[in-house]
Amino acid sequence: AGAQAQVEDWQSNVSSCVPANAYTLNAGQVIIAGGYVRAPLGPNPP
């Protein structure tokens, strides 16, 4: 229980967050080395 104490701030790479729909899951490009997501060229849904 003591080991669960976190640092003072909370943060998350967006790439580790949950895609909200099938379009996001399929269209979003996860850049593993950089730990981010990249949108396709538009116009497309967000």
All heavy atoms as atom14 arrays in JSON, in Angstrom:
{
  "sequence": "AGAQAQVEDWQSNVSSCVPANAYTLNAGQVIIAGGYVRAPLGPNPP",
  "atom14_mask": [
    [1, 1, 1, 1, 1, 0, 0, 0, 0, 0, 0, 0, 0, 0],
    [1, 1, 1, 1, 0, 0, 0, 0, 0, 0, 0, 0, 0, 0],
    [1, 1, 1, 1, 1, 0, 0, 0, 0, 0, 0, 0, 0, 0],
    [1, 1, 1, 1, 1, 1, 1, 1, 1, 0, 0, 0, 0, 0],
    [1, 1, 1, 1, 1, 0, 0, 0, 0, 0, 0, 0, 0, 0],
    [1, 1, 1, 1, 1, 1, 1, 1, 1, 0, 0, 0, 0, 0],
    [1, 1, 1, 1, 1, 1, 1, 0, 0, 0, 0, 0, 0, 0],
    [1, 1, 1, 1, 1, 1, 1, 1, 1, 0, 0, 0, 0, 0],
    [1, 1, 1, 1, 1, 1, 1, 1, 0, 0, 0, 0, 0, 0],
    [1, 1, 1, 1, 1, 1, 1, 1, 1, 1, 1, 1, 1, 1],
    [1, 1, 1, 1, 1, 1, 1, 1, 1, 0, 0, 0, 0, 0],
    [1, 1, 1, 1, 1, 1, 0, 0, 0, 0, 0, 0, 0, 0],
    [1, 1, 1, 1, 1, 1, 1, 1, 0, 0, 0, 0, 0, 0],
    [1, 1, 1, 1, 1, 1, 1, 0, 0, 0, 0, 0, 0, 0],
    [1, 1, 1, 1, 1, 1, 0, 0, 0, 0, 0, 0, 0, 0],
    [1, 1, 1, 1, 1, 1, 0, 0, 0, 0, 0, 0, 0, 0],
    [1, 1, 1, 1, 1, 1, 0, 0, 0, 0, 0, 0, 0, 0],
    [1, 1, 1, 1, 1, 1, 1, 0, 0, 0, 0, 0, 0, 0],
    [1, 1, 1, 1, 1, 1, 1, 0, 0, 0, 0, 0, 0, 0],
    [1, 1, 1, 1, 1, 0, 0, 0, 0, 0, 0, 0, 0, 0],
    [1, 1, 1, 1, 1, 1, 1, 1, 0, 0, 0, 0, 0, 0],
    [1, 1, 1, 1, 1, 0, 0, 0, 0, 0, 0, 0, 0, 0],
    [1, 1, 1, 1, 1, 1, 1, 1, 1, 1, 1, 1, 0, 0],
    [1, 1, 1, 1, 1, 1, 1, 0, 0, 0, 0, 0, 0, 0],
    [1, 1, 1, 1, 1, 1, 1, 1, 0, 0, 0, 0, 0, 0],
    [1, 1, 1, 1, 1, 1, 1, 1, 0, 0, 0, 0, 0, 0],
    [1, 1, 1, 1, 1, 0, 0, 0, 0, 0, 0, 0, 0, 0],
    [1, 1, 1, 1, 0, 0, 0, 0, 0, 0, 0, 0, 0, 0],
    [1, 1, 1, 1, 1, 1, 1, 1, 1, 0, 0, 0, 0, 0],
    [1, 1, 1, 1, 1, 1, 1, 0, 0, 0, 0, 0, 0, 0],
    [1, 1, 1, 1, 1, 1, 1, 1, 0, 0, 0, 0, 0, 0],
    [1, 1, 1, 1, 1, 1, 1, 1, 0, 0, 0, 0, 0, 0],
    [1, 1, 1, 1, 1, 0, 0, 0, 0, 0, 0, 0, 0, 0],
    [1, 1, 1, 1, 0, 0, 0, 0, 0, 0, 0, 0, 0, 0],
    [1, 1, 1, 1, 0, 0, 0, 0, 0, 0, 0, 0, 0, 0],
    [1, 1, 1, 1, 1, 1, 1, 1, 1, 1, 1, 1, 0, 0],
    [1, 1, 1, 1, 1, 1, 1, 0, 0, 0, 0, 0, 0, 0],
    [1, 1, 1, 1, 1, 1, 1, 1, 1, 1, 1, 0, 0, 0],
    [1, 1, 1, 1, 1, 0, 0, 0, 0, 0, 0, 0, 0, 0],
    [1, 1, 1, 1, 1, 1, 1, 0, 0, 0, 0, 0, 0, 0],
    [1, 1, 1, 1, 1, 1, 1, 1, 0, 0, 0, 0, 0, 0],
    [1, 1, 1, 1, 0, 0, 0, 0, 0, 0, 0, 0, 0, 0],
    [1, 1, 1, 1, 1, 1, 1, 0, 0, 0, 0, 0, 0, 0],
    [1, 1, 1, 1, 1, 1, 1, 1, 0, 0, 0, 0, 0, 0],
    [1, 1, 1, 1, 1, 1, 1, 0, 0, 0, 0, 0, 0, 0],
    [1, 1, 1, 1, 1, 1, 1, 0, 0, 0, 0, 0, 0, 0]
  ],
  "atom14_positions": [
    [[0.85, -1.2, 0.0], [0.0, 0.0, 0.0], [0.88, 1.24, 0.0], [0.61, 2.21, -0.69], [-0.94, -0.01, 1.2], [0.0, 0.0, 0.0], [0.0, 0.0, 0.0], [0.0, 0.0, 0.0], [0.0, 0.0, 0.0], [0.0, 0.0, 0.0], [0.0, 0.0, 0.0], [0.0, 0.0, 0.0], [0.0, 0.0, 0.0], [0.0, 0.0, 0.0]],
    [[1.97, 1.22, 0.77], [2.89, 2.35, 0.78], [3.6, 2.49, -0.54], [3.89, 3.59, -0.98], [0.0, 0.0, 0.0], [0.0, 0.0, 0.0], [0.0, 0.0, 0.0], [0.0, 0.0, 0.0], [0.0, 0.0, 0.0], [0.0, 0.0, 0.0], [0.0, 0.0, 0.0], [0.0, 0.0, 0.0], [0.0, 0.0, 0.0], [0.0, 0.0, 0.0]],
    [[3.86, 1.4, -1.22], [4.57, 1.44, -2.5], [3.71, 2.05, -3.6], [4.21, 2.46, -4.62], [4.99, 0.03, -2.9], [0.0, 0.0, 0.0], [0.0, 0.0, 0.0], [0.0, 0.0, 0.0], [0.0, 0.0, 0.0], [0.0, 0.0, 0.0], [0.0, 0.0, 0.0], [0.0, 0.0, 0.0], [0.0, 0.0, 0.0], [0.0, 0.0, 0.0]],
    [[2.39, 2.13, -3.39], [1.52, 2.69, -4.41], [1.56, 4.21, -4.45], [1.03, 4.81, -5.35], [0.08, 2.24, -4.18], [-0.14, 0.79, -4.45], [-1.57, 0.39, -4.2], [-2.42, 1.21, -3.9], [-1.84, -0.88, -4.33], [0.0, 0.0, 0.0], [0.0, 0.0, 0.0], [0.0, 0.0, 0.0], [0.0, 0.0, 0.0], [0.0, 0.0, 0.0]],
    [[2.17, 4.83, -3.45], [2.22, 6.29, -3.44], [2.89, 6.77, -4.72], [3.95, 6.3, -5.09], [2.96, 6.78, -2.22], [0.0, 0.0, 0.0], [0.0, 0.0, 0.0], [0.0, 0.0, 0.0], [0.0, 0.0, 0.0], [0.0, 0.0, 0.0], [0.0, 0.0, 0.0], [0.0, 0.0, 0.0], [0.0, 0.0, 0.0], [0.0, 0.0, 0.0]],
    [[2.24, 7.69, -5.38], [2.76, 8.19, -6.65], [3.51, 9.49, -6.44], [3.46, 10.1, -5.38], [1.61, 8.42, -7.62], [0.89, 7.15, -8.01], [-0.24, 7.43, -8.97], [-0.61, 8.56, -9.21], [-0.8, 6.39, -9.52], [0.0, 0.0, 0.0], [0.0, 0.0, 0.0], [0.0, 0.0, 0.0], [0.0, 0.0, 0.0], [0.0, 0.0, 0.0]],
    [[4.16, 9.93, -7.49], [4.81, 11.22, -7.47], [3.75, 12.3, -7.34], [2.56, 12.04, -7.47], [5.66, 11.42, -8.74], [6.82, 10.46, -8.78], [4.83, 11.28, -9.98], [0.0, 0.0, 0.0], [0.0, 0.0, 0.0], [0.0, 0.0, 0.0], [0.0, 0.0, 0.0], [0.0, 0.0, 0.0], [0.0, 0.0, 0.0], [0.0, 0.0, 0.0]],
    [[4.16, 13.51, -7.13], [3.22, 14.59, -6.85], [2.31, 14.89, -8.03], [1.19, 15.33, -7.83], [3.99, 15.83, -6.43], [4.74, 15.62, -5.12], [5.69, 16.74, -4.79], [5.91, 17.61, -5.65], [6.21, 16.75, -3.67], [0.0, 0.0, 0.0], [0.0, 0.0, 0.0], [0.0, 0.0, 0.0], [0.0, 0.0, 0.0], [0.0, 0.0, 0.0]],
    [[2.75, 14.7, -9.25], [1.93, 14.98, -10.43], [1.47, 13.67, -11.05], [2.09, 12.63, -10.88], [2.73, 15.76, -11.48], [3.21, 17.11, -10.96], [2.61, 17.62, -10.01], [4.19, 17.62, -11.51], [0.0, 0.0, 0.0], [0.0, 0.0, 0.0], [0.0, 0.0, 0.0], [0.0, 0.0, 0.0], [0.0, 0.0, 0.0], [0.0, 0.0, 0.0]],
    [[0.37, 13.72, -11.78], [-0.12, 12.57, -12.54], [0.04, 12.92, -14.01], [-0.23, 14.05, -14.44], [-1.59, 12.3, -12.23], [-2.2, 11.29, -13.16], [-2.22, 9.94, -12.99], [-2.82, 11.53, -14.42], [-2.82, 9.33, -14.06], [-3.21, 10.3, -14.96], [-3.09, 12.69, -15.17], [-3.84, 10.18, -16.18], [-3.73, 12.57, -16.38], [-4.09, 11.32, -16.88]],
    [[0.47, 11.94, -14.82], [0.56, 12.19, -16.26], [0.35, 10.9, -17.04], [0.55, 9.81, -16.53], [1.87, 12.85, -16.64], [3.1, 12.04, -16.33], [4.38, 12.83, -16.6], [4.34, 13.9, -17.2], [5.5, 12.32, -16.17], [0.0, 0.0, 0.0], [0.0, 0.0, 0.0], [0.0, 0.0, 0.0], [0.0, 0.0, 0.0], [0.0, 0.0, 0.0]],
    [[-0.07, 11.08, -18.28], [-0.29, 9.93, -19.15], [0.02, 10.32, -20.58], [-0.36, 11.4, -21.04], [-1.75, 9.48, -19.06], [-1.99, 8.4, -19.94], [0.0, 0.0, 0.0], [0.0, 0.0, 0.0], [0.0, 0.0, 0.0], [0.0, 0.0, 0.0], [0.0, 0.0, 0.0], [0.0, 0.0, 0.0], [0.0, 0.0, 0.0], [0.0, 0.0, 0.0]],
    [[0.72, 9.43, -21.28], [0.86, 9.61, -22.72], [-0.51, 9.35, -23.32], [-1.19, 8.4, -22.94], [1.85, 8.6, -23.31], [3.28, 8.89, -22.92], [3.64, 10.03, -22.67], [4.08, 7.87, -22.83], [0.0, 0.0, 0.0], [0.0, 0.0, 0.0], [0.0, 0.0, 0.0], [0.0, 0.0, 0.0], [0.0, 0.0, 0.0], [0.0, 0.0, 0.0]],
    [[-0.92, 10.17, -24.27], [-2.22, 9.97, -24.91], [-2.27, 8.61, -25.59], [-3.32, 7.97, -25.65], [-2.54, 11.13, -25.88], [-3.84, 10.89, -26.61], [-2.61, 12.46, -25.11], [0.0, 0.0, 0.0], [0.0, 0.0, 0.0], [0.0, 0.0, 0.0], [0.0, 0.0, 0.0], [0.0, 0.0, 0.0], [0.0, 0.0, 0.0], [0.0, 0.0, 0.0]],
    [[-1.13, 8.12, -26.05], [-1.1, 6.81, -26.71], [-1.49, 5.68, -25.77], [-1.88, 4.6, -26.22], [0.28, 6.55, -27.29], [1.27, 6.55, -26.27], [0.0, 0.0, 0.0], [0.0, 0.0, 0.0], [0.0, 0.0, 0.0], [0.0, 0.0, 0.0], [0.0, 0.0, 0.0], [0.0, 0.0, 0.0], [0.0, 0.0, 0.0], [0.0, 0.0, 0.0]],
    [[-1.44, 5.89, -24.46], [-1.84, 4.84, -23.51], [-3.28, 5.02, -23.04], [-3.77, 4.23, -22.24], [-0.9, 4.81, -22.31], [-1.01, 6.0, -21.57], [0.0, 0.0, 0.0], [0.0, 0.0, 0.0], [0.0, 0.0, 0.0], [0.0, 0.0, 0.0], [0.0, 0.0, 0.0], [0.0, 0.0, 0.0], [0.0, 0.0, 0.0], [0.0, 0.0, 0.0]],
    [[-3.97, 6.03, -23.53], [-5.37, 6.26, -23.19], [-6.27, 5.39, -24.08], [-5.8, 4.81, -25.05], [-5.72, 7.74, -23.36], [-4.76, 8.81, -22.23], [0.0, 0.0, 0.0], [0.0, 0.0, 0.0], [0.0, 0.0, 0.0], [0.0, 0.0, 0.0], [0.0, 0.0, 0.0], [0.0, 0.0, 0.0], [0.0, 0.0, 0.0], [0.0, 0.0, 0.0]],
    [[-7.54, 5.32, -23.75], [-8.46, 4.43, -24.43], [-9.13, 5.14, -25.61], [-9.74, 6.19, -25.42], [-9.55, 3.93, -23.45], [-10.55, 3.03, -24.16], [-8.92, 3.22, -22.28], [0.0, 0.0, 0.0], [0.0, 0.0, 0.0], [0.0, 0.0, 0.0], [0.0, 0.0, 0.0], [0.0, 0.0, 0.0], [0.0, 0.0, 0.0], [0.0, 0.0, 0.0]],
    [[-9.03, 4.58, -26.82], [-9.75, 5.16, -27.97], [-11.26, 5.1, -27.7], [-11.76, 4.07, -27.25], [-9.36, 4.27, -29.14], [-8.13, 3.55, -28.7], [-8.22, 3.43, -27.22], [0.0, 0.0, 0.0], [0.0, 0.0, 0.0], [0.0, 0.0, 0.0], [0.0, 0.0, 0.0], [0.0, 0.0, 0.0], [0.0, 0.0, 0.0], [0.0, 0.0, 0.0]],
    [[-11.96, 6.19, -27.97], [-13.38, 6.28, -27.62], [-14.31, 5.59, -28.61], [-15.45, 5.34, -28.3], [-13.79, 7.75, -27.46], [0.0, 0.0, 0.0], [0.0, 0.0, 0.0], [0.0, 0.0, 0.0], [0.0, 0.0, 0.0], [0.0, 0.0, 0.0], [0.0, 0.0, 0.0], [0.0, 0.0, 0.0], [0.0, 0.0, 0.0], [0.0, 0.0, 0.0]],
    [[-13.82, 5.31, -29.81], [-14.69, 4.69, -30.82], [-13.83, 3.93, -31.84], [-12.6, 4.02, -31.82], [-15.57, 5.75, -31.51], [-14.74, 6.9, -32.06], [-13.71, 6.71, -32.67], [-15.22, 8.13, -31.82], [0.0, 0.0, 0.0], [0.0, 0.0, 0.0], [0.0, 0.0, 0.0], [0.0, 0.0, 0.0], [0.0, 0.0, 0.0], [0.0, 0.0, 0.0]],
    [[-14.49, 3.19, -32.72], [-13.78, 2.37, -33.7], [-12.98, 3.24, -34.67], [-11.87, 2.86, -35.08], [-14.76, 1.49, -34.47], [0.0, 0.0, 0.0], [0.0, 0.0, 0.0], [0.0, 0.0, 0.0], [0.0, 0.0, 0.0], [0.0, 0.0, 0.0], [0.0, 0.0, 0.0], [0.0, 0.0, 0.0], [0.0, 0.0, 0.0], [0.0, 0.0, 0.0]],
    [[-13.51, 4.41, -35.05], [-12.77, 5.28, -35.96], [-11.44, 5.7, -35.34], [-10.39, 5.63, -35.99], [-13.6, 6.53, -36.32], [-12.77, 7.49, -37.15], [-12.53, 7.23, -38.49], [-12.18, 8.61, -36.56], [-11.72, 8.08, -39.24], [-11.38, 9.46, -37.31], [-11.16, 9.19, -38.64], [-10.36, 10.03, -39.38], [0.0, 0.0, 0.0], [0.0, 0.0, 0.0]],
    [[-11.47, 6.11, -34.08], [-10.24, 6.53, -33.4], [-9.25, 5.37, -33.33], [-8.06, 5.54, -33.57], [-10.56, 7.05, -31.99], [-11.43, 8.18, -32.11], [-9.31, 7.45, -31.23], [0.0, 0.0, 0.0], [0.0, 0.0, 0.0], [0.0, 0.0, 0.0], [0.0, 0.0, 0.0], [0.0, 0.0, 0.0], [0.0, 0.0, 0.0], [0.0, 0.0, 0.0]],
    [[-9.75, 4.19, -33.02], [-8.9, 3.01, -32.93], [-8.23, 2.7, -34.27], [-7.03, 2.41, -34.33], [-9.72, 1.8, -32.47], [-8.98, 0.49, -32.29], [-7.92, 0.61, -31.21], [-9.95, -0.62, -31.95], [0.0, 0.0, 0.0], [0.0, 0.0, 0.0], [0.0, 0.0, 0.0], [0.0, 0.0, 0.0], [0.0, 0.0, 0.0], [0.0, 0.0, 0.0]],
    [[-8.98, 2.82, -35.35], [-8.46, 2.47, -36.68], [-7.66, 3.59, -37.35], [-6.69, 3.33, -38.04], [-9.61, 2.06, -37.6], [-10.24, 0.76, -37.15], [-9.58, -0.12, -36.63], [-11.56, 0.66, -37.31], [0.0, 0.0, 0.0], [0.0, 0.0, 0.0], [0.0, 0.0, 0.0], [0.0, 0.0, 0.0], [0.0, 0.0, 0.0], [0.0, 0.0, 0.0]],
    [[-8.07, 4.85, -37.15], [-7.45, 5.96, -37.88], [-6.26, 6.58, -37.16], [-5.37, 7.13, -37.79], [-8.5, 7.03, -38.18], [0.0, 0.0, 0.0], [0.0, 0.0, 0.0], [0.0, 0.0, 0.0], [0.0, 0.0, 0.0], [0.0, 0.0, 0.0], [0.0, 0.0, 0.0], [0.0, 0.0, 0.0], [0.0, 0.0, 0.0], [0.0, 0.0, 0.0]],
    [[-6.26, 6.51, -35.83], [-5.17, 7.12, -35.08], [-3.9, 6.31, -35.22], [-3.9, 5.1, -35.08], [0.0, 0.0, 0.0], [0.0, 0.0, 0.0], [0.0, 0.0, 0.0], [0.0, 0.0, 0.0], [0.0, 0.0, 0.0], [0.0, 0.0, 0.0], [0.0, 0.0, 0.0], [0.0, 0.0, 0.0], [0.0, 0.0, 0.0], [0.0, 0.0, 0.0]],
    [[-2.81, 6.99, -35.5], [-1.52, 6.31, -35.63], [-0.77, 6.5, -34.31], [-0.5, 7.62, -33.88], [-0.7, 6.89, -36.77], [0.63, 6.2, -36.95], [1.45, 6.81, -38.07], [1.15, 7.88, -38.57], [2.51, 6.12, -38.45], [0.0, 0.0, 0.0], [0.0, 0.0, 0.0], [0.0, 0.0, 0.0], [0.0, 0.0, 0.0], [0.0, 0.0, 0.0]],
    [[-0.44, 5.4, -33.65], [0.32, 5.45, -32.41], [1.8, 5.38, -32.74], [2.26, 4.44, -33.39], [-0.07, 4.29, -31.47], [0.79, 4.3, -30.21], [-1.55, 4.36, -31.11], [0.0, 0.0, 0.0], [0.0, 0.0, 0.0], [0.0, 0.0, 0.0], [0.0, 0.0, 0.0], [0.0, 0.0, 0.0], [0.0, 0.0, 0.0], [0.0, 0.0, 0.0]],
    [[2.53, 6.4, -32.34], [3.98, 6.45, -32.55], [4.63, 5.96, -31.26], [4.76, 6.7, -30.29], [4.45, 7.88, -32.9], [3.62, 8.47, -34.03], [5.94, 7.88, -33.22], [3.63, 7.68, -35.32], [0.0, 0.0, 0.0], [0.0, 0.0, 0.0], [0.0, 0.0, 0.0], [0.0, 0.0, 0.0], [0.0, 0.0, 0.0], [0.0, 0.0, 0.0]],
    [[4.99, 4.7, -31.25], [5.46, 4.05, -30.03], [6.74, 4.69, -29.52], [6.86, 4.98, -28.33], [5.65, 2.54, -30.26], [4.29, 1.9, -30.55], [6.31, 1.88, -29.07], [4.35, 0.48, -31.02], [0.0, 0.0, 0.0], [0.0, 0.0, 0.0], [0.0, 0.0, 0.0], [0.0, 0.0, 0.0], [0.0, 0.0, 0.0], [0.0, 0.0, 0.0]],
    [[7.69, 4.95, -30.39], [8.97, 5.51, -29.96], [8.79, 6.88, -29.3], [9.49, 7.21, -28.35], [9.92, 5.61, -31.14], [0.0, 0.0, 0.0], [0.0, 0.0, 0.0], [0.0, 0.0, 0.0], [0.0, 0.0, 0.0], [0.0, 0.0, 0.0], [0.0, 0.0, 0.0], [0.0, 0.0, 0.0], [0.0, 0.0, 0.0], [0.0, 0.0, 0.0]],
    [[7.86, 7.67, -29.79], [7.64, 9.0, -29.22], [6.55, 9.04, -28.17], [6.39, 10.03, -27.47], [0.0, 0.0, 0.0], [0.0, 0.0, 0.0], [0.0, 0.0, 0.0], [0.0, 0.0, 0.0], [0.0, 0.0, 0.0], [0.0, 0.0, 0.0], [0.0, 0.0, 0.0], [0.0, 0.0, 0.0], [0.0, 0.0, 0.0], [0.0, 0.0, 0.0]],
    [[5.76, 7.98, -28.06], [4.7, 7.93, -27.06], [3.58, 8.91, -27.33], [3.05, 9.53, -26.41], [0.0, 0.0, 0.0], [0.0, 0.0, 0.0], [0.0, 0.0, 0.0], [0.0, 0.0, 0.0], [0.0, 0.0, 0.0], [0.0, 0.0, 0.0], [0.0, 0.0, 0.0], [0.0, 0.0, 0.0], [0.0, 0.0, 0.0], [0.0, 0.0, 0.0]],
    [[3.2, 9.07, -28.6], [2.11, 9.99, -28.92], [1.23, 9.4, -30.01], [1.54, 8.37, -30.59], [2.63, 11.37, -29.32], [3.49, 11.41, -30.57], [2.93, 11.63, -31.82], [4.87, 11.26, -30.5], [3.71, 11.68, -32.96], [5.66, 11.32, -31.63], [5.08, 11.54, -32.86], [5.86, 11.59, -33.98], [0.0, 0.0, 0.0], [0.0, 0.0, 0.0]],
    [[0.11, 10.08, -30.25], [-0.79, 9.67, -31.34], [-0.8, 10.77, -32.38], [-0.61, 11.94, -32.09], [-2.23, 9.39, -30.84], [-2.24, 8.22, -29.89], [-2.87, 10.6, -30.21], [0.0, 0.0, 0.0], [0.0, 0.0, 0.0], [0.0, 0.0, 0.0], [0.0, 0.0, 0.0], [0.0, 0.0, 0.0], [0.0, 0.0, 0.0], [0.0, 0.0, 0.0]],
    [[-1.04, 10.34, -33.62], [-1.04, 11.28, -34.74], [-2.3, 11.06, -35.54], [-2.65, 9.92, -35.87], [0.21, 11.08, -35.58], [0.35, 12.06, -36.71], [1.73, 12.08, -37.31], [2.17, 10.77, -37.74], [3.42, 10.49, -38.08], [4.36, 11.39, -38.0], [3.75, 9.28, -38.49], [0.0, 0.0, 0.0], [0.0, 0.0, 0.0], [0.0, 0.0, 0.0]],
    [[-2.98, 12.14, -35.88], [-4.21, 12.08, -36.66], [-3.89, 11.96, -38.14], [-2.85, 12.43, -38.6], [-5.04, 13.34, -36.41], [0.0, 0.0, 0.0], [0.0, 0.0, 0.0], [0.0, 0.0, 0.0], [0.0, 0.0, 0.0], [0.0, 0.0, 0.0], [0.0, 0.0, 0.0], [0.0, 0.0, 0.0], [0.0, 0.0, 0.0], [0.0, 0.0, 0.0]],
    [[-4.79, 11.34, -38.9], [-4.59, 11.3, -40.35], [-4.84, 12.69, -40.94], [-5.4, 13.57, -40.27], [-5.65, 10.31, -40.82], [-6.72, 10.41, -39.8], [-6.04, 10.69, -38.5], [0.0, 0.0, 0.0], [0.0, 0.0, 0.0], [0.0, 0.0, 0.0], [0.0, 0.0, 0.0], [0.0, 0.0, 0.0], [0.0, 0.0, 0.0], [0.0, 0.0, 0.0]],
    [[-4.43, 12.88, -42.19], [-4.75, 14.15, -42.85], [-6.25, 14.24, -43.03], [-6.92, 13.24, -43.3], [-4.02, 14.24, -44.19], [-2.49, 14.33, -44.1], [-1.88, 14.33, -45.49], [-2.04, 15.55, -43.31], [0.0, 0.0, 0.0], [0.0, 0.0, 0.0], [0.0, 0.0, 0.0], [0.0, 0.0, 0.0], [0.0, 0.0, 0.0], [0.0, 0.0, 0.0]],
    [[-6.8, 15.45, -42.91], [-8.26, 15.63, -42.97], [-8.72, 16.05, -44.33], [-7.94, 16.1, -45.26], [0.0, 0.0, 0.0], [0.0, 0.0, 0.0], [0.0, 0.0, 0.0], [0.0, 0.0, 0.0], [0.0, 0.0, 0.0], [0.0, 0.0, 0.0], [0.0, 0.0, 0.0], [0.0, 0.0, 0.0], [0.0, 0.0, 0.0], [0.0, 0.0, 0.0]],
    [[-9.99, 16.32, -44.47], [-10.97, 16.39, -43.38], [-11.47, 15.0, -42.98], [-11.84, 14.19, -43.82], [-12.1, 17.22, -43.96], [-12.05, 16.93, -45.42], [-10.6, 16.69, -45.75], [0.0, 0.0, 0.0], [0.0, 0.0, 0.0], [0.0, 0.0, 0.0], [0.0, 0.0, 0.0], [0.0, 0.0, 0.0], [0.0, 0.0, 0.0], [0.0, 0.0, 0.0]],
    [[-11.46, 14.74, -41.7], [-11.93, 13.5, -41.11], [-12.54, 13.84, -39.75], [-12.28, 14.91, -39.21], [-10.78, 12.51, -40.91], [-10.29, 11.91, -42.2], [-11.04, 11.3, -42.94], [-9.0, 12.1, -42.49], [0.0, 0.0, 0.0], [0.0, 0.0, 0.0], [0.0, 0.0, 0.0], [0.0, 0.0, 0.0], [0.0, 0.0, 0.0], [0.0, 0.0, 0.0]],
    [[-13.28, 12.91, -39.17], [-13.76, 13.15, -37.81], [-12.57, 13.23, -36.85], [-11.49, 12.71, -37.15], [-14.6, 11.9, -37.5], [-14.9, 11.29, -38.82], [-13.78, 11.67, -39.73], [0.0, 0.0, 0.0], [0.0, 0.0, 0.0], [0.0, 0.0, 0.0], [0.0, 0.0, 0.0], [0.0, 0.0, 0.0], [0.0, 0.0, 0.0], [0.0, 0.0, 0.0]],
    [[-12.74, 13.89, -35.72], [-11.64, 13.95, -34.75], [-11.38, 12.59, -34.1], [-12.27, 11.74, -34.05], [-12.14, 14.96, -33.71], [-13.62, 14.93, -33.83], [-13.93, 14.61, -35.26], [0.0, 0.0, 0.0], [0.0, 0.0, 0.0], [0.0, 0.0, 0.0], [0.0, 0.0, 0.0], [0.0, 0.0, 0.0], [0.0, 0.0, 0.0], [0.0, 0.0, 0.0]]
  ]
}
